[in-house]
Amino acid sequence: MASRGKELEEEIYDKVMDLKDLAKRERWWDRLFGRGSGPVAEKYSVATQVAVGGVSGWCVGYLFQKVGKVAAASVGGGLLLLQLANHSGYIQVDWKKVEKDVNKAKKQLRKTTGQTGPELNTFMEKSTDFVKKNIVVTSGFIGGFLLGLVS
């Protein structure tokens, strides 16, 4: 009777250990996003990944906001100065030539718009693979980026 109880206990222990090993091999993000969800997902906890992604996203969003303001002010100020100089007579702009060049550029853009280069397709594939493999970090980054834009 004691040996039967011990055998049953060992059998249950083996099944529990098998379940534990299965849980280590089959993580929830593997089932959700596919196998091989990246080295980052296996090295660090989910909280660490979200924190790192959020902080880096906030920094990039904040810098993006500041640089965007400077760029917009520079372009707007340059156009304003160009218009003032033209109105005051310091420079003469040949508007017919500007219009002709703009129309030429439009035609050239229309020709090449339908064609995407192979380097763009490979970049998109690599980006998609990165996002799939590091979904937790990417989610944190996007959230941090949006917070950085509004702060």
N, C-alpha and C. Protein backbone atom coordinates (compact mmCIF):
# COMPACT_ATOMS: atom_id res chain seq x y z
N MET A 1 0.81 -1.18 0.00
CA MET A 1 0.00 0.00 0.00
C MET A 1 0.86 1.25 0.00
N ALA A 2 1.93 1.22 0.79
CA ALA A 2 2.82 2.38 0.86
C ALA A 2 3.55 2.57 -0.46
N SER A 3 3.90 1.46 -1.12
CA SER A 3 4.61 1.58 -2.38
C SER A 3 3.68 2.12 -3.46
N ARG A 4 2.40 1.73 -3.43
CA ARG A 4 1.42 2.24 -4.39
C ARG A 4 1.23 3.75 -4.21
N GLY A 5 1.19 4.23 -3.00
CA GLY A 5 1.07 5.65 -2.73
C GLY A 5 2.30 6.41 -3.17
N LYS A 6 3.46 5.80 -2.99
CA LYS A 6 4.71 6.45 -3.40
C LYS A 6 4.81 6.51 -4.91
N GLU A 7 4.37 5.45 -5.61
CA GLU A 7 4.37 5.44 -7.07
C GLU A 7 3.43 6.52 -7.61
N LEU A 8 2.27 6.61 -7.00
CA LEU A 8 1.30 7.62 -7.41
C LEU A 8 1.84 9.03 -7.19
N GLU A 9 2.52 9.23 -6.09
CA GLU A 9 3.12 10.53 -5.78
C GLU A 9 4.20 10.87 -6.79
N GLU A 10 5.03 9.92 -7.16
CA GLU A 10 6.08 10.15 -8.15
C GLU A 10 5.48 10.44 -9.52
N GLU A 11 4.41 9.73 -9.87
CA GLU A 11 3.75 9.95 -11.15
C GLU A 11 3.17 11.37 -11.22
N ILE A 12 2.53 11.80 -10.15
CA ILE A 12 1.97 13.16 -10.10
C ILE A 12 3.10 14.18 -10.17
N TYR A 13 4.20 13.93 -9.45
CA TYR A 13 5.35 14.84 -9.47
C TYR A 13 5.92 14.96 -10.88
N ASP A 14 6.04 13.82 -11.59
CA ASP A 14 6.55 13.84 -12.96
C ASP A 14 5.64 14.65 -13.87
N LYS A 15 4.31 14.49 -13.71
CA LYS A 15 3.38 15.24 -14.54
C LYS A 15 3.45 16.74 -14.25
N VAL A 16 3.59 17.09 -12.98
CA VAL A 16 3.72 18.50 -12.61
C VAL A 16 5.00 19.07 -13.18
N MET A 17 6.08 18.33 -13.13
CA MET A 17 7.35 18.80 -13.68
C MET A 17 7.27 18.93 -15.20
N ASP A 18 6.56 17.99 -15.85
CA ASP A 18 6.38 18.11 -17.29
C ASP A 18 5.59 19.38 -17.63
N LEU A 19 4.57 19.67 -16.86
CA LEU A 19 3.77 20.88 -17.07
C LEU A 19 4.61 22.14 -16.86
N LYS A 20 5.48 22.11 -15.87
CA LYS A 20 6.37 23.25 -15.60
C LYS A 20 7.33 23.46 -16.76
N ASP A 21 7.90 22.35 -17.26
CA ASP A 21 8.80 22.45 -18.41
C ASP A 21 8.06 22.96 -19.64
N LEU A 22 6.84 22.48 -19.83
CA LEU A 22 6.04 22.95 -20.97
C LEU A 22 5.76 24.45 -20.85
N ALA A 23 5.46 24.93 -19.66
CA ALA A 23 5.20 26.35 -19.46
C ALA A 23 6.45 27.18 -19.75
N LYS A 24 7.63 26.62 -19.42
CA LYS A 24 8.86 27.36 -19.72
C LYS A 24 9.10 27.41 -21.23
N ARG A 25 8.80 26.32 -21.91
CA ARG A 25 9.03 26.26 -23.36
C ARG A 25 7.96 27.02 -24.13
N GLU A 26 6.73 26.99 -23.70
CA GLU A 26 5.61 27.59 -24.41
C GLU A 26 5.12 28.81 -23.65
N ARG A 27 5.71 29.95 -23.89
CA ARG A 27 5.28 31.17 -23.21
C ARG A 27 4.04 31.73 -23.88
N TRP A 28 3.31 32.59 -23.17
CA TRP A 28 2.05 33.11 -23.70
C TRP A 28 2.27 33.93 -24.96
N TRP A 29 3.38 34.65 -25.08
CA TRP A 29 3.60 35.45 -26.27
C TRP A 29 3.98 34.57 -27.45
N ASP A 30 4.55 33.35 -27.16
CA ASP A 30 4.81 32.42 -28.26
C ASP A 30 3.50 31.95 -28.88
N ARG A 31 2.53 31.67 -28.04
CA ARG A 31 1.24 31.23 -28.56
C ARG A 31 0.54 32.38 -29.30
N LEU A 32 0.72 33.60 -28.82
CA LEU A 32 0.02 34.74 -29.41
C LEU A 32 0.71 35.24 -30.68
N PHE A 33 2.04 35.36 -30.65
CA PHE A 33 2.76 35.99 -31.76
C PHE A 33 3.63 35.02 -32.54
N GLY A 34 3.68 33.78 -32.16
CA GLY A 34 4.47 32.79 -32.88
C GLY A 34 5.76 32.49 -32.16
N ARG A 35 6.39 31.42 -32.60
CA ARG A 35 7.63 30.98 -31.97
C ARG A 35 8.77 31.94 -32.21
N GLY A 36 9.76 31.90 -31.36
CA GLY A 36 10.94 32.74 -31.54
C GLY A 36 10.61 34.20 -31.40
N SER A 37 9.96 34.57 -30.33
CA SER A 37 9.54 35.96 -30.18
C SER A 37 10.69 36.85 -29.72
N GLY A 38 11.89 36.47 -29.99
CA GLY A 38 13.03 37.34 -29.81
C GLY A 38 13.79 37.14 -28.53
N PRO A 39 15.06 37.51 -28.56
CA PRO A 39 15.89 37.34 -27.39
C PRO A 39 15.51 38.27 -26.24
N VAL A 40 14.99 39.43 -26.51
CA VAL A 40 14.62 40.36 -25.46
C VAL A 40 13.49 39.78 -24.63
N ALA A 41 12.55 39.14 -25.31
CA ALA A 41 11.40 38.58 -24.61
C ALA A 41 11.80 37.46 -23.66
N GLU A 42 12.92 36.83 -23.90
CA GLU A 42 13.34 35.72 -23.05
C GLU A 42 14.29 36.17 -21.94
N LYS A 43 14.96 37.29 -22.10
CA LYS A 43 15.97 37.71 -21.13
C LYS A 43 15.38 38.52 -19.97
N TYR A 44 14.37 39.35 -20.25
CA TYR A 44 13.88 40.28 -19.25
C TYR A 44 12.39 40.06 -19.00
N SER A 45 11.94 40.50 -17.85
CA SER A 45 10.52 40.37 -17.52
C SER A 45 9.70 41.35 -18.35
N VAL A 46 8.41 41.11 -18.39
CA VAL A 46 7.51 41.97 -19.16
C VAL A 46 7.52 43.39 -18.61
N ALA A 47 7.55 43.54 -17.29
CA ALA A 47 7.56 44.88 -16.68
C ALA A 47 8.83 45.64 -17.08
N THR A 48 9.96 44.95 -17.09
CA THR A 48 11.22 45.61 -17.48
C THR A 48 11.16 46.04 -18.94
N GLN A 49 10.61 45.17 -19.78
CA GLN A 49 10.52 45.51 -21.21
C GLN A 49 9.62 46.72 -21.44
N VAL A 50 8.49 46.76 -20.75
CA VAL A 50 7.57 47.89 -20.91
C VAL A 50 8.22 49.17 -20.38
N ALA A 51 8.94 49.07 -19.26
CA ALA A 51 9.60 50.26 -18.69
C ALA A 51 10.68 50.78 -19.63
N VAL A 52 11.52 49.90 -20.15
CA VAL A 52 12.59 50.33 -21.06
C VAL A 52 11.98 50.93 -22.33
N GLY A 53 10.98 50.26 -22.89
CA GLY A 53 10.32 50.79 -24.09
C GLY A 53 9.65 52.12 -23.82
N GLY A 54 8.99 52.26 -22.68
CA GLY A 54 8.30 53.50 -22.36
C GLY A 54 9.25 54.67 -22.15
N VAL A 55 10.34 54.44 -21.43
CA VAL A 55 11.30 55.52 -21.18
C VAL A 55 11.98 55.94 -22.48
N SER A 56 12.42 54.96 -23.28
CA SER A 56 13.07 55.33 -24.54
C SER A 56 12.08 56.00 -25.49
N GLY A 57 10.84 55.53 -25.51
CA GLY A 57 9.82 56.17 -26.35
C GLY A 57 9.53 57.60 -25.91
N TRP A 58 9.47 57.83 -24.58
CA TRP A 58 9.22 59.18 -24.09
C TRP A 58 10.36 60.11 -24.51
N CYS A 59 11.61 59.65 -24.38
CA CYS A 59 12.76 60.49 -24.77
C CYS A 59 12.70 60.83 -26.25
N VAL A 60 12.43 59.85 -27.09
CA VAL A 60 12.36 60.10 -28.53
C VAL A 60 11.19 61.02 -28.86
N GLY A 61 10.04 60.81 -28.23
CA GLY A 61 8.88 61.67 -28.48
C GLY A 61 9.13 63.11 -28.06
N TYR A 62 9.78 63.30 -26.91
CA TYR A 62 10.08 64.64 -26.43
C TYR A 62 11.05 65.35 -27.39
N LEU A 63 12.11 64.65 -27.81
CA LEU A 63 13.05 65.23 -28.76
C LEU A 63 12.38 65.52 -30.10
N PHE A 64 11.52 64.60 -30.54
CA PHE A 64 10.79 64.78 -31.80
C PHE A 64 9.94 66.04 -31.74
N GLN A 65 9.30 66.26 -30.61
CA GLN A 65 8.47 67.45 -30.44
C GLN A 65 9.32 68.72 -30.52
N LYS A 66 10.44 68.76 -29.80
CA LYS A 66 11.28 69.96 -29.77
C LYS A 66 11.91 70.23 -31.13
N VAL A 67 12.45 69.19 -31.76
CA VAL A 67 13.07 69.36 -33.07
C VAL A 67 12.02 69.77 -34.10
N GLY A 68 10.82 69.21 -34.00
CA GLY A 68 9.75 69.56 -34.93
C GLY A 68 9.36 71.03 -34.82
N LYS A 69 9.32 71.53 -33.61
CA LYS A 69 9.00 72.96 -33.43
C LYS A 69 10.08 73.85 -34.04
N VAL A 70 11.34 73.49 -33.82
CA VAL A 70 12.45 74.28 -34.37
C VAL A 70 12.42 74.23 -35.89
N ALA A 71 12.18 73.03 -36.45
CA ALA A 71 12.15 72.90 -37.91
C ALA A 71 10.99 73.70 -38.50
N ALA A 72 9.82 73.63 -37.88
CA ALA A 72 8.68 74.38 -38.39
C ALA A 72 8.92 75.89 -38.31
N ALA A 73 9.53 76.35 -37.22
CA ALA A 73 9.82 77.78 -37.08
C ALA A 73 10.86 78.21 -38.11
N SER A 74 11.84 77.37 -38.38
CA SER A 74 12.88 77.70 -39.36
C SER A 74 12.31 77.80 -40.77
N VAL A 75 11.52 76.82 -41.15
CA VAL A 75 10.94 76.83 -42.50
C VAL A 75 9.97 78.00 -42.64
N GLY A 76 9.11 78.21 -41.66
CA GLY A 76 8.16 79.31 -41.71
C GLY A 76 8.85 80.67 -41.71
N GLY A 77 9.87 80.81 -40.89
CA GLY A 77 10.61 82.06 -40.85
C GLY A 77 11.35 82.33 -42.15
N GLY A 78 11.91 81.28 -42.73
CA GLY A 78 12.60 81.43 -44.02
C GLY A 78 11.66 81.87 -45.12
N LEU A 79 10.48 81.26 -45.16
CA LEU A 79 9.49 81.66 -46.17
C LEU A 79 9.01 83.09 -45.94
N LEU A 80 8.83 83.46 -44.69
CA LEU A 80 8.42 84.82 -44.37
C LEU A 80 9.48 85.83 -44.81
N LEU A 81 10.75 85.54 -44.50
CA LEU A 81 11.83 86.44 -44.92
C LEU A 81 11.95 86.52 -46.44
N LEU A 82 11.77 85.40 -47.11
CA LEU A 82 11.81 85.41 -48.57
C LEU A 82 10.69 86.28 -49.14
N GLN A 83 9.51 86.17 -48.59
CA GLN A 83 8.38 86.97 -49.05
C GLN A 83 8.59 88.45 -48.75
N LEU A 84 9.12 88.77 -47.57
CA LEU A 84 9.41 90.17 -47.24
C LEU A 84 10.47 90.76 -48.16
N ALA A 85 11.51 89.98 -48.42
CA ALA A 85 12.58 90.46 -49.31
C ALA A 85 12.04 90.67 -50.73
N ASN A 86 11.17 89.81 -51.18
CA ASN A 86 10.58 89.95 -52.51
C ASN A 86 9.68 91.19 -52.55
N HIS A 87 8.88 91.38 -51.52
CA HIS A 87 7.97 92.52 -51.48
C HIS A 87 8.72 93.85 -51.38
N SER A 88 9.83 93.85 -50.66
CA SER A 88 10.61 95.08 -50.49
C SER A 88 11.48 95.40 -51.69
N GLY A 89 11.63 94.47 -52.60
CA GLY A 89 12.41 94.72 -53.80
C GLY A 89 13.87 94.29 -53.68
N TYR A 90 14.26 93.63 -52.61
CA TYR A 90 15.65 93.18 -52.48
C TYR A 90 15.95 92.04 -53.44
N ILE A 91 14.96 91.21 -53.69
CA ILE A 91 15.15 90.11 -54.64
C ILE A 91 13.97 90.10 -55.60
N GLN A 92 14.19 89.53 -56.76
CA GLN A 92 13.14 89.35 -57.76
C GLN A 92 12.96 87.85 -57.99
N VAL A 93 11.76 87.36 -57.75
CA VAL A 93 11.47 85.94 -57.95
C VAL A 93 10.75 85.78 -59.28
N ASP A 94 11.28 84.89 -60.11
CA ASP A 94 10.64 84.58 -61.39
C ASP A 94 9.59 83.50 -61.13
N TRP A 95 8.36 83.94 -60.86
CA TRP A 95 7.31 83.01 -60.45
C TRP A 95 6.91 82.06 -61.56
N LYS A 96 7.05 82.49 -62.80
CA LYS A 96 6.73 81.58 -63.92
C LYS A 96 7.70 80.40 -63.93
N LYS A 97 8.97 80.68 -63.67
CA LYS A 97 9.97 79.61 -63.64
C LYS A 97 9.73 78.69 -62.43
N VAL A 98 9.36 79.29 -61.30
CA VAL A 98 9.07 78.48 -60.11
C VAL A 98 7.89 77.56 -60.39
N GLU A 99 6.85 78.08 -61.02
CA GLU A 99 5.68 77.26 -61.34
C GLU A 99 6.04 76.15 -62.31
N LYS A 100 6.87 76.45 -63.30
CA LYS A 100 7.29 75.43 -64.27
C LYS A 100 8.10 74.32 -63.58
N ASP A 101 9.00 74.70 -62.68
CA ASP A 101 9.80 73.71 -61.96
C ASP A 101 8.94 72.85 -61.03
N VAL A 102 7.96 73.47 -60.38
CA VAL A 102 7.07 72.72 -59.50
C VAL A 102 6.25 71.71 -60.29
N ASN A 103 5.73 72.13 -61.45
CA ASN A 103 4.95 71.22 -62.30
C ASN A 103 5.82 70.07 -62.80
N LYS A 104 7.06 70.35 -63.13
CA LYS A 104 7.99 69.31 -63.58
C LYS A 104 8.25 68.31 -62.45
N ALA A 105 8.42 68.81 -61.26
CA ALA A 105 8.64 67.93 -60.11
C ALA A 105 7.41 67.08 -59.83
N LYS A 106 6.21 67.66 -60.00
CA LYS A 106 4.97 66.90 -59.79
C LYS A 106 4.87 65.74 -60.78
N LYS A 107 5.19 66.01 -62.05
CA LYS A 107 5.13 64.95 -63.06
C LYS A 107 6.11 63.83 -62.73
N GLN A 108 7.29 64.20 -62.30
CA GLN A 108 8.29 63.20 -61.97
C GLN A 108 7.86 62.37 -60.76
N LEU A 109 7.23 63.00 -59.79
CA LEU A 109 6.73 62.27 -58.62
C LEU A 109 5.60 61.32 -59.00
N ARG A 110 4.73 61.74 -59.90
CA ARG A 110 3.62 60.88 -60.32
C ARG A 110 4.15 59.62 -61.01
N LYS A 111 5.23 59.76 -61.77
CA LYS A 111 5.81 58.60 -62.46
C LYS A 111 6.36 57.58 -61.48
N THR A 112 7.05 58.07 -60.46
CA THR A 112 7.75 57.16 -59.53
C THR A 112 6.93 56.78 -58.31
N THR A 113 5.73 57.37 -58.14
CA THR A 113 4.94 57.09 -56.94
C THR A 113 4.46 55.65 -56.91
N GLY A 114 4.05 55.10 -58.02
CA GLY A 114 3.52 53.74 -58.07
C GLY A 114 4.58 52.67 -57.84
N GLN A 115 5.82 53.01 -57.97
CA GLN A 115 6.90 52.03 -57.85
C GLN A 115 7.57 52.15 -56.49
N THR A 116 7.58 51.05 -55.75
CA THR A 116 8.31 51.04 -54.49
C THR A 116 9.58 50.24 -54.69
N GLY A 117 10.65 50.76 -54.19
CA GLY A 117 11.94 50.10 -54.35
C GLY A 117 12.04 48.85 -53.50
N PRO A 118 12.90 47.94 -53.89
CA PRO A 118 13.06 46.70 -53.11
C PRO A 118 13.63 46.96 -51.73
N GLU A 119 14.41 48.03 -51.58
CA GLU A 119 14.96 48.33 -50.26
C GLU A 119 13.87 48.75 -49.28
N LEU A 120 12.82 49.40 -49.79
CA LEU A 120 11.70 49.78 -48.93
C LEU A 120 10.93 48.54 -48.48
N ASN A 121 10.75 47.58 -49.39
CA ASN A 121 10.05 46.35 -49.03
C ASN A 121 10.83 45.55 -47.99
N THR A 122 12.15 45.46 -48.13
CA THR A 122 12.94 44.71 -47.15
C THR A 122 12.95 45.44 -45.82
N PHE A 123 12.97 46.76 -45.84
CA PHE A 123 12.92 47.52 -44.59
C PHE A 123 11.60 47.27 -43.87
N MET A 124 10.51 47.25 -44.61
CA MET A 124 9.20 46.99 -44.01
C MET A 124 9.14 45.57 -43.44
N GLU A 125 9.71 44.60 -44.14
CA GLU A 125 9.71 43.22 -43.64
C GLU A 125 10.54 43.11 -42.36
N LYS A 126 11.70 43.75 -42.34
CA LYS A 126 12.54 43.71 -41.14
C LYS A 126 11.86 44.41 -39.98
N SER A 127 11.19 45.53 -40.25
CA SER A 127 10.48 46.25 -39.20
C SER A 127 9.34 45.42 -38.64
N THR A 128 8.61 44.75 -39.50
CA THR A 128 7.51 43.90 -39.06
C THR A 128 8.03 42.74 -38.22
N ASP A 129 9.13 42.13 -38.64
CA ASP A 129 9.72 41.04 -37.86
C ASP A 129 10.16 41.53 -36.49
N PHE A 130 10.79 42.72 -36.44
CA PHE A 130 11.24 43.26 -35.16
C PHE A 130 10.06 43.51 -34.22
N VAL A 131 8.99 44.08 -34.76
CA VAL A 131 7.82 44.37 -33.93
C VAL A 131 7.20 43.07 -33.42
N LYS A 132 7.13 42.05 -34.27
CA LYS A 132 6.56 40.77 -33.84
C LYS A 132 7.42 40.11 -32.78
N LYS A 133 8.72 40.20 -32.92
CA LYS A 133 9.62 39.54 -31.97
C LYS A 133 9.72 40.31 -30.64
N ASN A 134 9.51 41.61 -30.67
CA ASN A 134 9.66 42.44 -29.47
C ASN A 134 8.40 43.25 -29.23
N ILE A 135 7.27 42.59 -29.20
CA ILE A 135 5.98 43.28 -29.12
C ILE A 135 5.82 44.04 -27.82
N VAL A 136 6.35 43.53 -26.73
CA VAL A 136 6.17 44.19 -25.44
C VAL A 136 6.98 45.49 -25.40
N VAL A 137 8.23 45.44 -25.85
CA VAL A 137 9.08 46.64 -25.88
C VAL A 137 8.48 47.66 -26.84
N THR A 138 8.02 47.19 -27.98
CA THR A 138 7.44 48.09 -28.97
C THR A 138 6.19 48.78 -28.43
N SER A 139 5.36 48.05 -27.72
CA SER A 139 4.16 48.65 -27.13
C SER A 139 4.53 49.73 -26.13
N GLY A 140 5.51 49.45 -25.29
CA GLY A 140 5.97 50.45 -24.33
C GLY A 140 6.55 51.66 -25.02
N PHE A 141 7.29 51.43 -26.11
CA PHE A 141 7.89 52.52 -26.85
C PHE A 141 6.82 53.43 -27.46
N ILE A 142 5.80 52.83 -28.05
CA ILE A 142 4.75 53.64 -28.67
C ILE A 142 4.02 54.48 -27.64
N GLY A 143 3.71 53.86 -26.49
CA GLY A 143 3.05 54.62 -25.43
C GLY A 143 3.92 55.74 -24.92
N GLY A 144 5.20 55.47 -24.70
CA GLY A 144 6.12 56.51 -24.24
C GLY A 144 6.30 57.61 -25.27
N PHE A 145 6.34 57.23 -26.55
CA PHE A 145 6.50 58.22 -27.62
C PHE A 145 5.32 59.17 -27.62
N LEU A 146 4.11 58.64 -27.51
CA LEU A 146 2.93 59.51 -27.50
C LEU A 146 2.91 60.42 -26.27
N LEU A 147 3.33 59.89 -25.12
CA LEU A 147 3.42 60.74 -23.93
C LEU A 147 4.49 61.82 -24.09
N GLY A 148 5.61 61.47 -24.74
CA GLY A 148 6.67 62.44 -24.97
C GLY A 148 6.23 63.55 -25.91
N LEU A 149 5.38 63.23 -26.87
CA LEU A 149 4.89 64.26 -27.80
C LEU A 149 4.01 65.29 -27.10
N VAL A 150 3.24 64.85 -26.12
CA VAL A 150 2.32 65.79 -25.47
C VAL A 150 2.93 66.47 -24.25
N SER A 151 4.11 66.05 -23.81
CA SER A 151 4.68 66.67 -22.61
C SER A 151 5.56 67.85 -22.95
